[in-house]
Amino acid sequence: MEEKFKIVMMKPIDKVAIALTTIPPGTDLTFTCEDKTFEVTVLDEIKFGHKFAVVSMEEGEDIIKYGEVIGQATRRILAGEHVHIHNLEGKRGRGDKVGA
């Protein structure tokens, strides 16, 4: 029997989704956000409440969650990879990042 994992992704422009259950590495996910379907193989364990990339991103690229920019990639991030402080630099509330 195929195990189902719950995730949240609010906008099809989002580059990350949020795990509502812990997702083990190697898990293949197929999900739809509005009219866009994503197929992602999870590369790292994604714990409850944590983000994972639904598309690959290059260093310096904006990371979008819930339709809003939450930061930028500090290195290349592959689809399915855990997105957290080790590869994301926040932009929100930082005066030094305004207009960057």
C-alpha atoms as a PDB file:
ATOM      1  CA  MET A   1       0.000   0.000   0.000  1.00  0.00           C
ATOM      2  CA  GLU A   2       1.340   3.429  -0.972  1.00  0.00           C
ATOM      3  CA  GLU A   3       1.897   5.772   1.975  1.00  0.00           C
ATOM      4  CA  LYS A   4       0.447   9.264   1.634  1.00  0.00           C
ATOM      5  CA  PHE A   5       2.283  12.320   2.886  1.00  0.00           C
ATOM      6  CA  LYS A   6       0.612  15.629   3.613  1.00  0.00           C
ATOM      7  CA  ILE A   7       2.151  18.862   2.394  1.00  0.00           C
ATOM      8  CA  VAL A   8       1.128  22.510   2.014  1.00  0.00           C
ATOM      9  CA  MET A   9       1.844  24.579  -1.073  1.00  0.00           C
ATOM     10  CA  MET A  10      -0.253  27.718  -1.475  1.00  0.00           C
ATOM     11  CA  LYS A  11       0.693  29.164  -4.877  1.00  0.00           C
ATOM     12  CA  PRO A  12       1.950  27.534  -8.083  1.00  0.00           C
ATOM     13  CA  ILE A  13       4.787  30.111  -8.151  1.00  0.00           C
ATOM     14  CA  ASP A  14       6.091  28.783  -4.814  1.00  0.00           C
ATOM     15  CA  LYS A  15       9.506  27.149  -4.957  1.00  0.00           C
ATOM     16  CA  VAL A  16       9.043  25.262  -1.689  1.00  0.00           C
ATOM     17  CA  ALA A  17       6.360  23.201  -0.013  1.00  0.00           C
ATOM     18  CA  ILE A  18       5.888  22.460   3.684  1.00  0.00           C
ATOM     19  CA  ALA A  19       5.769  18.935   5.132  1.00  0.00           C
ATOM     20  CA  LEU A  20       2.835  18.276   7.475  1.00  0.00           C
ATOM     21  CA  THR A  21       4.245  14.844   8.272  1.00  0.00           C
ATOM     22  CA  THR A  22       7.855  13.696   8.334  1.00  0.00           C
ATOM     23  CA  ILE A  23       8.843  12.568   4.832  1.00  0.00           C
ATOM     24  CA  PRO A  24      11.734  10.105   4.473  1.00  0.00           C
ATOM     25  CA  PRO A  25      14.446  10.519   1.815  1.00  0.00           C
ATOM     26  CA  GLY A  26      13.766   8.729  -1.459  1.00  0.00           C
ATOM     27  CA  THR A  27      10.015   9.367  -1.286  1.00  0.00           C
ATOM     28  CA  ASP A  28       8.472  10.162  -4.670  1.00  0.00           C
ATOM     29  CA  LEU A  29       5.765  12.820  -4.435  1.00  0.00           C
ATOM     30  CA  THR A  30       3.310  13.954  -7.097  1.00  0.00           C
ATOM     31  CA  PHE A  31       1.028  16.836  -6.179  1.00  0.00           C
ATOM     32  CA  THR A  32      -0.883  19.663  -7.796  1.00  0.00           C
ATOM     33  CA  CYS A  33      -1.102  23.309  -6.778  1.00  0.00           C
ATOM     34  CA  GLU A  34      -3.926  25.015  -8.641  1.00  0.00           C
ATOM     35  CA  ASP A  35      -3.239  24.003 -12.278  1.00  0.00           C
ATOM     36  CA  LYS A  36       0.440  23.037 -11.938  1.00  0.00           C
ATOM     37  CA  THR A  37       1.575  19.481 -11.173  1.00  0.00           C
ATOM     38  CA  PHE A  38       4.903  18.779  -9.461  1.00  0.00           C
ATOM     39  CA  GLU A  39       6.855  15.523  -9.325  1.00  0.00           C
ATOM     40  CA  VAL A  40       9.585  15.551  -6.698  1.00  0.00           C
ATOM     41  CA  THR A  41      11.822  12.896  -5.181  1.00  0.00           C
ATOM     42  CA  VAL A  42      12.645  13.921  -1.622  1.00  0.00           C
ATOM     43  CA  LEU A  43      16.433  13.919  -1.158  1.00  0.00           C
ATOM     44  CA  ASP A  44      16.664  14.532   2.609  1.00  0.00           C
ATOM     45  CA  GLU A  45      14.428  13.676   5.537  1.00  0.00           C
ATOM     46  CA  ILE A  46      11.908  16.503   5.786  1.00  0.00           C
ATOM     47  CA  LYS A  47      10.560  16.883   9.295  1.00  0.00           C
ATOM     48  CA  PHE A  48       7.089  18.195  10.152  1.00  0.00           C
ATOM     49  CA  GLY A  49       6.862  21.933   9.446  1.00  0.00           C
ATOM     50  CA  HIS A  50      10.038  22.088   7.364  1.00  0.00           C
ATOM     51  CA  LYS A  51      10.386  23.224   3.751  1.00  0.00           C
ATOM     52  CA  PHE A  52      11.622  21.309   0.732  1.00  0.00           C
ATOM     53  CA  ALA A  53      12.348  22.571  -2.763  1.00  0.00           C
ATOM     54  CA  VAL A  54       9.779  21.706  -5.425  1.00  0.00           C
ATOM     55  CA  VAL A  55      12.048  23.081  -8.171  1.00  0.00           C
ATOM     56  CA  SER A  56      15.819  23.456  -8.380  1.00  0.00           C
ATOM     57  CA  MET A  57      17.186  26.925  -7.594  1.00  0.00           C
ATOM     58  CA  GLU A  58      20.504  28.589  -8.315  1.00  0.00           C
ATOM     59  CA  GLU A  59      22.631  30.478  -5.797  1.00  0.00           C
ATOM     60  CA  GLY A  60      21.196  33.976  -5.242  1.00  0.00           C
ATOM     61  CA  GLU A  61      17.741  33.030  -6.557  1.00  0.00           C
ATOM     62  CA  ASP A  62      14.696  34.164  -4.584  1.00  0.00           C
ATOM     63  CA  ILE A  63      12.931  31.480  -2.560  1.00  0.00           C
ATOM     64  CA  ILE A  64       9.147  31.855  -2.683  1.00  0.00           C
ATOM     65  CA  LYS A  65       6.780  30.434  -0.035  1.00  0.00           C
ATOM     66  CA  TYR A  66       3.035  31.208   0.121  1.00  0.00           C
ATOM     67  CA  GLY A  67       3.510  33.490  -2.892  1.00  0.00           C
ATOM     68  CA  GLU A  68       6.048  35.715  -1.089  1.00  0.00           C
ATOM     69  CA  VAL A  69       9.836  35.986  -1.226  1.00  0.00           C
ATOM     70  CA  ILE A  70      11.185  34.671   2.086  1.00  0.00           C
ATOM     71  CA  GLY A  71      14.888  34.730   1.248  1.00  0.00           C
ATOM     72  CA  GLN A  72      17.480  33.718  -1.286  1.00  0.00           C
ATOM     73  CA  ALA A  73      19.441  30.562  -1.952  1.00  0.00           C
ATOM     74  CA  THR A  74      22.992  30.711  -0.561  1.00  0.00           C
ATOM     75  CA  ARG A  75      23.977  27.874  -2.913  1.00  0.00           C
ATOM     76  CA  ARG A  76      22.392  25.703  -5.594  1.00  0.00           C
ATOM     77  CA  ILE A  77      19.381  23.846  -4.177  1.00  0.00           C
ATOM     78  CA  LEU A  78      18.049  20.752  -5.912  1.00  0.00           C
ATOM     79  CA  ALA A  79      14.366  19.861  -6.178  1.00  0.00           C
ATOM     80  CA  GLY A  80      13.553  17.607  -3.238  1.00  0.00           C
ATOM     81  CA  GLU A  81      16.227  19.076  -0.976  1.00  0.00           C
ATOM     82  CA  HIS A  82      15.551  20.348   2.548  1.00  0.00           C
ATOM     83  CA  VAL A  83      15.430  24.175   2.543  1.00  0.00           C
ATOM     84  CA  HIS A  84      16.511  25.756   5.819  1.00  0.00           C
ATOM     85  CA  ILE A  85      19.212  27.989   7.308  1.00  0.00           C
ATOM     86  CA  HIS A  86      22.013  25.905   5.761  1.00  0.00           C
ATOM     87  CA  ASN A  87      21.015  26.977   2.220  1.00  0.00           C
ATOM     88  CA  LEU A  88      18.660  29.960   2.676  1.00  0.00           C
ATOM     89  CA  GLU A  89      19.420  33.512   3.753  1.00  0.00           C
ATOM     90  CA  GLY A  90      16.393  35.478   4.924  1.00  0.00           C
ATOM     91  CA  LYS A  91      15.529  38.834   3.353  1.00  0.00           C
ATOM     92  CA  ARG A  92      12.443  39.697   5.380  1.00  0.00           C
ATOM     93  CA  GLY A  93      12.848  42.543   7.819  1.00  0.00           C
ATOM     94  CA  ARG A  94      16.451  43.187   6.748  1.00  0.00           C
ATOM     95  CA  GLY A  95      17.062  46.805   5.803  1.00  0.00           C
ATOM     96  CA  ASP A  96      20.376  45.828   4.204  1.00  0.00           C
ATOM     97  CA  LYS A  97      18.498  43.616   1.697  1.00  0.00           C
ATOM     98  CA  VAL A  98      15.916  46.184   0.544  1.00  0.00           C
ATOM     99  CA  GLY A  99      16.081  46.439  -3.227  1.00  0.00           C
ATOM    100  CA  ALA A 100      18.594  43.589  -3.452  1.00  0.00           C
END
